[in-house]
Amino acid sequence: MGQDASYYIWDVDNSPYGPVELSLLLQWVSEGRVVADTWVFDRNADKWGKASQFPELEPCFQATLGTGTSTVLTPGILRRIKILGNLNDTQLAHLSDFMEFQEWRMHSIVFRQGDLGDAMFLVLTGELRARTIVGDAESILATFRPGDFFGDMALFDNGPRSADVVANMDCSLIKISAANFYRLIREAPALATPFLQAAARTLSYRIRADNKRLLQVSEQFAAARRL
């Protein structure tokens, strides 16, 4: 494929971006905006694939893994998290000072139900599930994918975790500890405010969605009793 090839990128906000030329796509890889498991469409070849599967991009990911630069939380990488999407590069670079990069293997338990909460997590790559176990039965409460976050209530009450969170595959996460969260509020309140506002909007959406599901279940149960 030549330099004039055009590509589309399926971003974490479930929107396609493009067309972009190979030179710009390579720049986005170097900035962390496109990672190994980002879906890319090659318009010339008329096919979708993971970014790391394209021969013209594969050396970039090999170099990144070899030098360890994938653990550097650049603005391009952080912008993959939905609640950080509206922050500018300066804000994201400052925010990275309060974050910790982590890698978790498939089947690893990030935390268990009942553990005291001391951090929230942002998902860069991979997939995780929140679960509860009653007897031998596992109930999946939620699934977290790139761009999502979980464990956020721990930043406010340090209470016990309400569920296990388990890695469905190898994952890269960003951890924000409670200590760093309160340090962010003290040292950079102008940065903490948009972060909290974005997190609150997502939490409000989740609560409304849960309420809607509960209402539907209640209506179904009431209808079944009338039969």
C-alpha atoms as a PDB file:
ATOM      1  CA  MET A   1       0.000   0.000   0.000  1.00  0.00           C
ATOM      2  CA  GLY A   2       1.336   3.386  -0.935  1.00  0.00           C
ATOM      3  CA  GLN A   3       1.620   6.693   0.849  1.00  0.00           C
ATOM      4  CA  ASP A   4      -1.541   7.912  -0.879  1.00  0.00           C
ATOM      5  CA  ALA A   5      -3.684   5.158   0.673  1.00  0.00           C
ATOM      6  CA  SER A   6      -6.649   6.394   2.703  1.00  0.00           C
ATOM      7  CA  TYR A   7      -7.836   4.958   6.000  1.00  0.00           C
ATOM      8  CA  TYR A   8     -10.743   5.293   8.399  1.00  0.00           C
ATOM      9  CA  ILE A   9     -10.328   4.793  12.145  1.00  0.00           C
ATOM     10  CA  TRP A  10     -13.082   3.485  14.403  1.00  0.00           C
ATOM     11  CA  ASP A  11     -12.514   5.417  17.616  1.00  0.00           C
ATOM     12  CA  VAL A  12     -13.503   4.586  21.213  1.00  0.00           C
ATOM     13  CA  ASP A  13     -16.551   6.854  20.928  1.00  0.00           C
ATOM     14  CA  ASN A  14     -17.941   4.444  18.285  1.00  0.00           C
ATOM     15  CA  SER A  15     -17.468   6.964  15.490  1.00  0.00           C
ATOM     16  CA  PRO A  16     -15.375   6.627  12.313  1.00  0.00           C
ATOM     17  CA  TYR A  17     -12.696   9.215  11.553  1.00  0.00           C
ATOM     18  CA  GLY A  18     -11.303   9.767   8.081  1.00  0.00           C
ATOM     19  CA  PRO A  19     -10.276   9.439   5.464  1.00  0.00           C
ATOM     20  CA  VAL A  20      -6.701  10.047   6.637  1.00  0.00           C
ATOM     21  CA  GLU A  21      -3.445   9.483   4.808  1.00  0.00           C
ATOM     22  CA  LEU A  22      -0.828   6.987   5.946  1.00  0.00           C
ATOM     23  CA  SER A  23       1.497   9.744   7.191  1.00  0.00           C
ATOM     24  CA  LEU A  24      -1.178  11.057   9.572  1.00  0.00           C
ATOM     25  CA  LEU A  25      -2.119   7.546  10.660  1.00  0.00           C
ATOM     26  CA  LEU A  26       1.528   6.846  11.537  1.00  0.00           C
ATOM     27  CA  GLN A  27       1.628  10.076  13.540  1.00  0.00           C
ATOM     28  CA  TRP A  28      -1.478   9.028  15.469  1.00  0.00           C
ATOM     29  CA  VAL A  29       0.169   5.701  16.275  1.00  0.00           C
ATOM     30  CA  SER A  30       3.260   7.479  17.614  1.00  0.00           C
ATOM     31  CA  GLU A  31       1.037   9.770  19.719  1.00  0.00           C
ATOM     32  CA  GLY A  32      -0.953   6.836  21.110  1.00  0.00           C
ATOM     33  CA  ARG A  33      -4.239   7.946  19.555  1.00  0.00           C
ATOM     34  CA  VAL A  34      -4.273   4.700  17.558  1.00  0.00           C
ATOM     35  CA  VAL A  35      -3.257   1.584  19.489  1.00  0.00           C
ATOM     36  CA  ALA A  36      -2.716  -2.027  18.465  1.00  0.00           C
ATOM     37  CA  ASP A  37      -6.376  -3.070  18.797  1.00  0.00           C
ATOM     38  CA  THR A  38      -7.889   0.029  17.149  1.00  0.00           C
ATOM     39  CA  TRP A  39     -10.050  -0.925  14.186  1.00  0.00           C
ATOM     40  CA  VAL A  40      -8.811   0.568  10.910  1.00  0.00           C
ATOM     41  CA  PHE A  41     -10.427   0.449   7.473  1.00  0.00           C
ATOM     42  CA  ASP A  42      -8.199   0.450   4.381  1.00  0.00           C
ATOM     43  CA  ARG A  43     -10.280   2.017   1.625  1.00  0.00           C
ATOM     44  CA  ASN A  44      -8.029   0.728  -1.164  1.00  0.00           C
ATOM     45  CA  ALA A  45      -8.106  -2.881   0.036  1.00  0.00           C
ATOM     46  CA  ASP A  46     -11.766  -2.525   1.128  1.00  0.00           C
ATOM     47  CA  LYS A  47     -11.210  -4.257   4.465  1.00  0.00           C
ATOM     48  CA  TRP A  48     -11.259  -3.685   8.227  1.00  0.00           C
ATOM     49  CA  GLY A  49      -8.574  -4.940  10.572  1.00  0.00           C
ATOM     50  CA  LYS A  50      -6.837  -4.273  13.882  1.00  0.00           C
ATOM     51  CA  ALA A  51      -4.134  -1.616  13.463  1.00  0.00           C
ATOM     52  CA  SER A  52      -1.369  -4.035  14.465  1.00  0.00           C
ATOM     53  CA  GLN A  53      -2.384  -6.369  11.620  1.00  0.00           C
ATOM     54  CA  PHE A  54      -1.496  -3.854   8.883  1.00  0.00           C
ATOM     55  CA  PRO A  55       2.041  -4.447   7.538  1.00  0.00           C
ATOM     56  CA  GLU A  56       2.668  -0.710   7.192  1.00  0.00           C
ATOM     57  CA  LEU A  57       1.794  -0.146  10.881  1.00  0.00           C
ATOM     58  CA  GLU A  58       3.112  -3.336  12.501  1.00  0.00           C
ATOM     59  CA  PRO A  59       6.733  -2.078  12.883  1.00  0.00           C
ATOM     60  CA  CYS A  60       5.468   0.930  14.857  1.00  0.00           C
ATOM     61  CA  PHE A  61       3.815  -1.300  17.442  1.00  0.00           C
ATOM     62  CA  GLN A  62       6.846  -3.593  17.648  1.00  0.00           C
ATOM     63  CA  ALA A  63       9.033  -0.565  18.304  1.00  0.00           C
ATOM     64  CA  THR A  64       6.632   0.712  20.932  1.00  0.00           C
ATOM     65  CA  LEU A  65       6.606  -2.607  22.754  1.00  0.00           C
ATOM     66  CA  GLY A  66      10.364  -2.908  22.536  1.00  0.00           C
ATOM     67  CA  THR A  67      11.107   0.486  24.068  1.00  0.00           C
ATOM     68  CA  GLY A  68       8.341   0.452  26.670  1.00  0.00           C
ATOM     69  CA  THR A  69       6.973   3.798  25.491  1.00  0.00           C
ATOM     70  CA  SER A  70       3.464   2.358  25.532  1.00  0.00           C
ATOM     71  CA  THR A  71       3.402   3.028  29.285  1.00  0.00           C
ATOM     72  CA  VAL A  72       3.853   6.777  28.775  1.00  0.00           C
ATOM     73  CA  LEU A  73       0.429   8.363  29.221  1.00  0.00           C
ATOM     74  CA  THR A  74       0.549  10.898  26.400  1.00  0.00           C
ATOM     75  CA  PRO A  75      -2.409  13.196  25.618  1.00  0.00           C
ATOM     76  CA  GLY A  76      -3.129  11.062  22.566  1.00  0.00           C
ATOM     77  CA  ILE A  77      -3.491   7.933  24.692  1.00  0.00           C
ATOM     78  CA  LEU A  78      -5.580   9.640  27.371  1.00  0.00           C
ATOM     79  CA  ARG A  79      -7.977  11.042  24.783  1.00  0.00           C
ATOM     80  CA  ARG A  80      -9.133   7.464  24.147  1.00  0.00           C
ATOM     81  CA  ILE A  81     -10.962   7.638  27.481  1.00  0.00           C
ATOM     82  CA  LYS A  82     -14.447   9.029  26.813  1.00  0.00           C
ATOM     83  CA  ILE A  83     -14.647  11.280  29.880  1.00  0.00           C
ATOM     84  CA  LEU A  84     -11.318  12.890  28.946  1.00  0.00           C
ATOM     85  CA  GLY A  85     -12.208  13.599  25.328  1.00  0.00           C
ATOM     86  CA  ASN A  86     -12.950  17.305  25.828  1.00  0.00           C
ATOM     87  CA  LEU A  87      -9.714  18.134  27.662  1.00  0.00           C
ATOM     88  CA  ASN A  88      -6.911  19.803  25.702  1.00  0.00           C
ATOM     89  CA  ASP A  89      -3.358  18.466  25.417  1.00  0.00           C
ATOM     90  CA  THR A  90      -2.037  20.689  28.214  1.00  0.00           C
ATOM     91  CA  GLN A  91      -4.762  19.533  30.595  1.00  0.00           C
ATOM     92  CA  LEU A  92      -4.230  15.878  29.691  1.00  0.00           C
ATOM     93  CA  ALA A  93      -0.468  16.127  30.149  1.00  0.00           C
ATOM     94  CA  HIS A  94      -1.003  17.602  33.626  1.00  0.00           C
ATOM     95  CA  LEU A  95      -3.647  15.011  34.487  1.00  0.00           C
ATOM     96  CA  SER A  96      -1.200  12.197  33.698  1.00  0.00           C
ATOM     97  CA  ASP A  97       0.837  13.273  36.758  1.00  0.00           C
ATOM     98  CA  PHE A  98      -1.993  11.905  38.925  1.00  0.00           C
ATOM     99  CA  MET A  99      -2.318   8.567  37.108  1.00  0.00           C
ATOM    100  CA  GLU A 100      -0.672   5.153  37.113  1.00  0.00           C
ATOM    101  CA  PHE A 101      -0.452   2.776  34.137  1.00  0.00           C
ATOM    102  CA  GLN A 102      -1.211  -0.897  34.840  1.00  0.00           C
ATOM    103  CA  GLU A 103      -1.376  -4.132  32.854  1.00  0.00           C
ATOM    104  CA  TRP A 104      -3.587  -7.064  33.845  1.00  0.00           C
ATOM    105  CA  ARG A 105      -3.549 -10.586  32.401  1.00  0.00           C
ATOM    106  CA  MET A 106      -6.657 -12.448  31.282  1.00  0.00           C
ATOM    107  CA  HIS A 107      -8.677 -13.832  34.230  1.00  0.00           C
ATOM    108  CA  SER A 108      -6.912 -11.524  36.716  1.00  0.00           C
ATOM    109  CA  ILE A 109      -9.176 -10.083  39.418  1.00  0.00           C
ATOM    110  CA  VAL A 110      -8.644  -6.316  39.642  1.00  0.00           C
ATOM    111  CA  PHE A 111     -10.568  -6.219  42.912  1.00  0.00           C
ATOM    112  CA  ARG A 112     -13.032  -8.424  44.800  1.00  0.00           C
ATOM    113  CA  GLN A 113     -16.469  -7.769  46.210  1.00  0.00           C
ATOM    114  CA  GLY A 114     -16.057  -6.497  49.755  1.00  0.00           C
ATOM    115  CA  ASP A 115     -12.551  -5.072  49.253  1.00  0.00           C
ATOM    116  CA  LEU A 116     -12.170  -1.530  50.542  1.00  0.00           C
ATOM    117  CA  GLY A 117     -12.193   0.802  47.558  1.00  0.00           C
ATOM    118  CA  ASP A 118      -9.155   3.022  47.123  1.00  0.00           C
ATOM    119  CA  ALA A 119      -9.040   3.804  43.371  1.00  0.00           C
ATOM    120  CA  MET A 120     -10.946   4.132  40.119  1.00  0.00           C
ATOM    121  CA  PHE A 121      -9.800   2.642  36.809  1.00  0.00           C
ATOM    122  CA  LEU A 122      -9.961   3.784  33.176  1.00  0.00           C
ATOM    123  CA  VAL A 123      -9.814   1.173  30.409  1.00  0.00           C
ATOM    124  CA  LEU A 124      -7.251   1.703  27.655  1.00  0.00           C
ATOM    125  CA  THR A 125      -7.285  -1.747  26.028  1.00  0.00           C
ATOM    126  CA  GLY A 126      -8.981  -5.072  26.608  1.00  0.00           C
ATOM    127  CA  GLU A 127     -12.265  -5.943  28.283  1.00  0.00           C
ATOM    128  CA  LEU A 128     -13.391  -6.600  31.858  1.00  0.00           C
ATOM    129  CA  ARG A 129     -16.596  -7.658  33.575  1.00  0.00           C
ATOM    130  CA  ALA A 130     -18.185  -6.783  36.892  1.00  0.00           C
ATOM    131  CA  ARG A 131     -19.693  -9.871  38.500  1.00  0.00           C
ATOM    132  CA  THR A 132     -21.275 -11.238  41.634  1.00  0.00           C
ATOM    133  CA  ILE A 133     -21.256 -14.911  42.582  1.00  0.00           C
ATOM    134  CA  VAL A 134     -24.083 -16.558  44.488  1.00  0.00           C
ATOM    135  CA  GLY A 135     -23.389 -20.209  45.177  1.00  0.00           C
ATOM    136  CA  ASP A 136     -21.828 -21.502  41.961  1.00  0.00           C
ATOM    137  CA  ALA A 137     -23.629 -19.040  39.694  1.00  0.00           C
ATOM    138  CA  GLU A 138     -21.943 -15.970  38.245  1.00  0.00           C
ATOM    139  CA  SER A 139     -24.082 -12.943  37.430  1.00  0.00           C
ATOM    140  CA  ILE A 140     -22.508 -10.383  35.082  1.00  0.00           C
ATOM    141  CA  LEU A 141     -23.506  -6.859  36.071  1.00  0.00           C
ATOM    142  CA  ALA A 142     -21.561  -4.838  33.492  1.00  0.00           C
ATOM    143  CA  THR A 143     -18.876  -5.077  30.831  1.00  0.00           C
ATOM    144  CA  PHE A 144     -16.116  -2.475  30.512  1.00  0.00           C
ATOM    145  CA  ARG A 145     -14.344  -1.819  27.207  1.00  0.00           C
ATOM    146  CA  PRO A 146     -11.751   0.714  25.965  1.00  0.00           C
ATOM    147  CA  GLY A 147     -12.829   4.229  26.872  1.00  0.00           C
ATOM    148  CA  ASP A 148     -14.921   3.137  29.889  1.00  0.00           C
ATOM    149  CA  PHE A 149     -14.198   3.582  33.598  1.00  0.00           C
ATOM    150  CA  PHE A 150     -15.188   1.738  36.784  1.00  0.00           C
ATOM    151  CA  GLY A 151     -14.642   1.764  40.540  1.00  0.00           C
ATOM    152  CA  ASP A 152     -15.303   5.505  40.705  1.00  0.00           C
ATOM    153  CA  MET A 153     -17.456   5.482  43.868  1.00  0.00           C
ATOM    154  CA  ALA A 154     -14.354   4.491  45.838  1.00  0.00           C
ATOM    155  CA  LEU A 155     -12.962   7.988  45.311  1.00  0.00           C
ATOM    156  CA  PHE A 156     -15.821   9.470  47.301  1.00  0.00           C
ATOM    157  CA  ASP A 157     -16.580   7.028  50.117  1.00  0.00           C
ATOM    158  CA  ASN A 158     -13.735   4.456  50.266  1.00  0.00           C
ATOM    159  CA  GLY A 159     -16.504   1.925  50.877  1.00  0.00           C
ATOM    160  CA  PRO A 160     -16.463  -1.799  50.100  1.00  0.00           C
ATOM    161  CA  ARG A 161     -16.545  -2.880  46.484  1.00  0.00           C
ATOM    162  CA  SER A 162     -19.996  -4.028  45.400  1.00  0.00           C
ATOM    163  CA  ALA A 163     -18.721  -6.628  42.890  1.00  0.00           C
ATOM    164  CA  ASP A 164     -15.669  -8.403  41.546  1.00  0.00           C
ATOM    165  CA  VAL A 165     -14.054  -6.953  38.426  1.00  0.00           C
ATOM    166  CA  VAL A 166     -12.300  -9.571  36.288  1.00  0.00           C
ATOM    167  CA  ALA A 167     -10.237  -9.199  33.104  1.00  0.00           C
ATOM    168  CA  ASN A 168     -11.862 -11.043  30.199  1.00  0.00           C
ATOM    169  CA  MET A 169      -8.591 -10.642  28.249  1.00  0.00           C
ATOM    170  CA  ASP A 170      -5.220  -8.953  28.707  1.00  0.00           C
ATOM    171  CA  CYS A 171      -5.930  -5.338  29.636  1.00  0.00           C
ATOM    172  CA  SER A 172      -4.195  -1.992  29.999  1.00  0.00           C
ATOM    173  CA  LEU A 173      -5.703   0.240  32.660  1.00  0.00           C
ATOM    174  CA  ILE A 174      -5.120   3.661  34.155  1.00  0.00           C
ATOM    175  CA  LYS A 175      -5.426   3.779  37.935  1.00  0.00           C
ATOM    176  CA  ILE A 176      -6.360   6.950  39.811  1.00  0.00           C
ATOM    177  CA  SER A 177      -5.906   6.311  43.515  1.00  0.00           C
ATOM    178  CA  ALA A 178      -7.987   8.107  46.121  1.00  0.00           C
ATOM    179  CA  ALA A 179      -4.814   9.797  47.369  1.00  0.00           C
ATOM    180  CA  ASN A 180      -3.993  11.124  43.887  1.00  0.00           C
ATOM    181  CA  PHE A 181      -7.610  12.145  43.339  1.00  0.00           C
ATOM    182  CA  TYR A 182      -7.601  14.370  46.433  1.00  0.00           C
ATOM    183  CA  ARG A 183      -4.167  15.659  45.467  1.00  0.00           C
ATOM    184  CA  LEU A 184      -5.644  16.623  42.089  1.00  0.00           C
ATOM    185  CA  ILE A 185      -8.427  18.547  43.816  1.00  0.00           C
ATOM    186  CA  ARG A 186      -5.943  20.384  46.054  1.00  0.00           C
ATOM    187  CA  GLU A 187      -3.247  21.112  43.487  1.00  0.00           C
ATOM    188  CA  ALA A 188      -5.234  21.549  40.268  1.00  0.00           C
ATOM    189  CA  PRO A 189      -8.889  22.390  41.019  1.00  0.00           C
ATOM    190  CA  ALA A 190      -9.352  23.926  37.563  1.00  0.00           C
ATOM    191  CA  LEU A 191      -8.442  20.533  36.085  1.00  0.00           C
ATOM    192  CA  ALA A 192     -10.418  18.498  38.622  1.00  0.00           C
ATOM    193  CA  THR A 193     -13.655  20.341  37.784  1.00  0.00           C
ATOM    194  CA  PRO A 194     -14.054  19.265  34.115  1.00  0.00           C
ATOM    195  CA  PHE A 195     -12.906  15.750  35.032  1.00  0.00           C
ATOM    196  CA  LEU A 196     -15.593  15.460  37.720  1.00  0.00           C
ATOM    197  CA  GLN A 197     -18.239  17.006  35.477  1.00  0.00           C
ATOM    198  CA  ALA A 198     -17.549  14.474  32.720  1.00  0.00           C
ATOM    199  CA  ALA A 199     -17.576  11.576  35.192  1.00  0.00           C
ATOM    200  CA  ALA A 200     -20.847  12.835  36.702  1.00  0.00           C
ATOM    201  CA  ARG A 201     -22.512  12.945  33.279  1.00  0.00           C
ATOM    202  CA  THR A 202     -21.582   9.310  32.669  1.00  0.00           C
ATOM    203  CA  LEU A 203     -22.786   8.278  36.128  1.00  0.00           C
ATOM    204  CA  SER A 204     -26.108  10.064  35.540  1.00  0.00           C
ATOM    205  CA  TYR A 205     -26.539   8.192  32.267  1.00  0.00           C
ATOM    206  CA  ARG A 206     -25.803   4.869  33.996  1.00  0.00           C
ATOM    207  CA  ILE A 207     -28.314   5.571  36.776  1.00  0.00           C
ATOM    208  CA  ARG A 208     -31.039   6.510  34.285  1.00  0.00           C
ATOM    209  CA  ALA A 209     -30.330   3.359  32.250  1.00  0.00           C
ATOM    210  CA  ASP A 210     -30.458   1.191  35.399  1.00  0.00           C
ATOM    211  CA  ASN A 211     -33.721   2.832  36.478  1.00  0.00           C
ATOM    212  CA  LYS A 212     -35.206   2.153  33.055  1.00  0.00           C
ATOM    213  CA  ARG A 213     -34.183  -1.513  33.237  1.00  0.00           C
ATOM    214  CA  LEU A 214     -35.653  -1.849  36.740  1.00  0.00           C
ATOM    215  CA  LEU A 215     -38.916  -0.302  35.565  1.00  0.00           C
ATOM    216  CA  GLN A 216     -39.099  -2.730  32.659  1.00  0.00           C
ATOM    217  CA  VAL A 217     -38.468  -5.692  34.976  1.00  0.00           C
ATOM    218  CA  SER A 218     -41.141  -4.438  37.401  1.00  0.00           C
ATOM    219  CA  GLU A 219     -43.650  -4.037  34.573  1.00  0.00           C
ATOM    220  CA  GLN A 220     -42.886  -7.524  33.259  1.00  0.00           C
ATOM    221  CA  PHE A 221     -43.273  -8.992  36.752  1.00  0.00           C
ATOM    222  CA  ALA A 222     -46.585  -7.183  37.281  1.00  0.00           C
ATOM    223  CA  ALA A 223     -47.869  -8.368  33.906  1.00  0.00           C
ATOM    224  CA  ALA A 224     -46.887 -11.965  34.726  1.00  0.00           C
ATOM    225  CA  ARG A 225     -48.804 -11.826  38.035  1.00  0.00           C
ATOM    226  CA  ARG A 226     -51.942 -10.722  36.222  1.00  0.00           C
ATOM    227  CA  LEU A 227     -51.900 -13.792  33.992  1.00  0.00           C
END
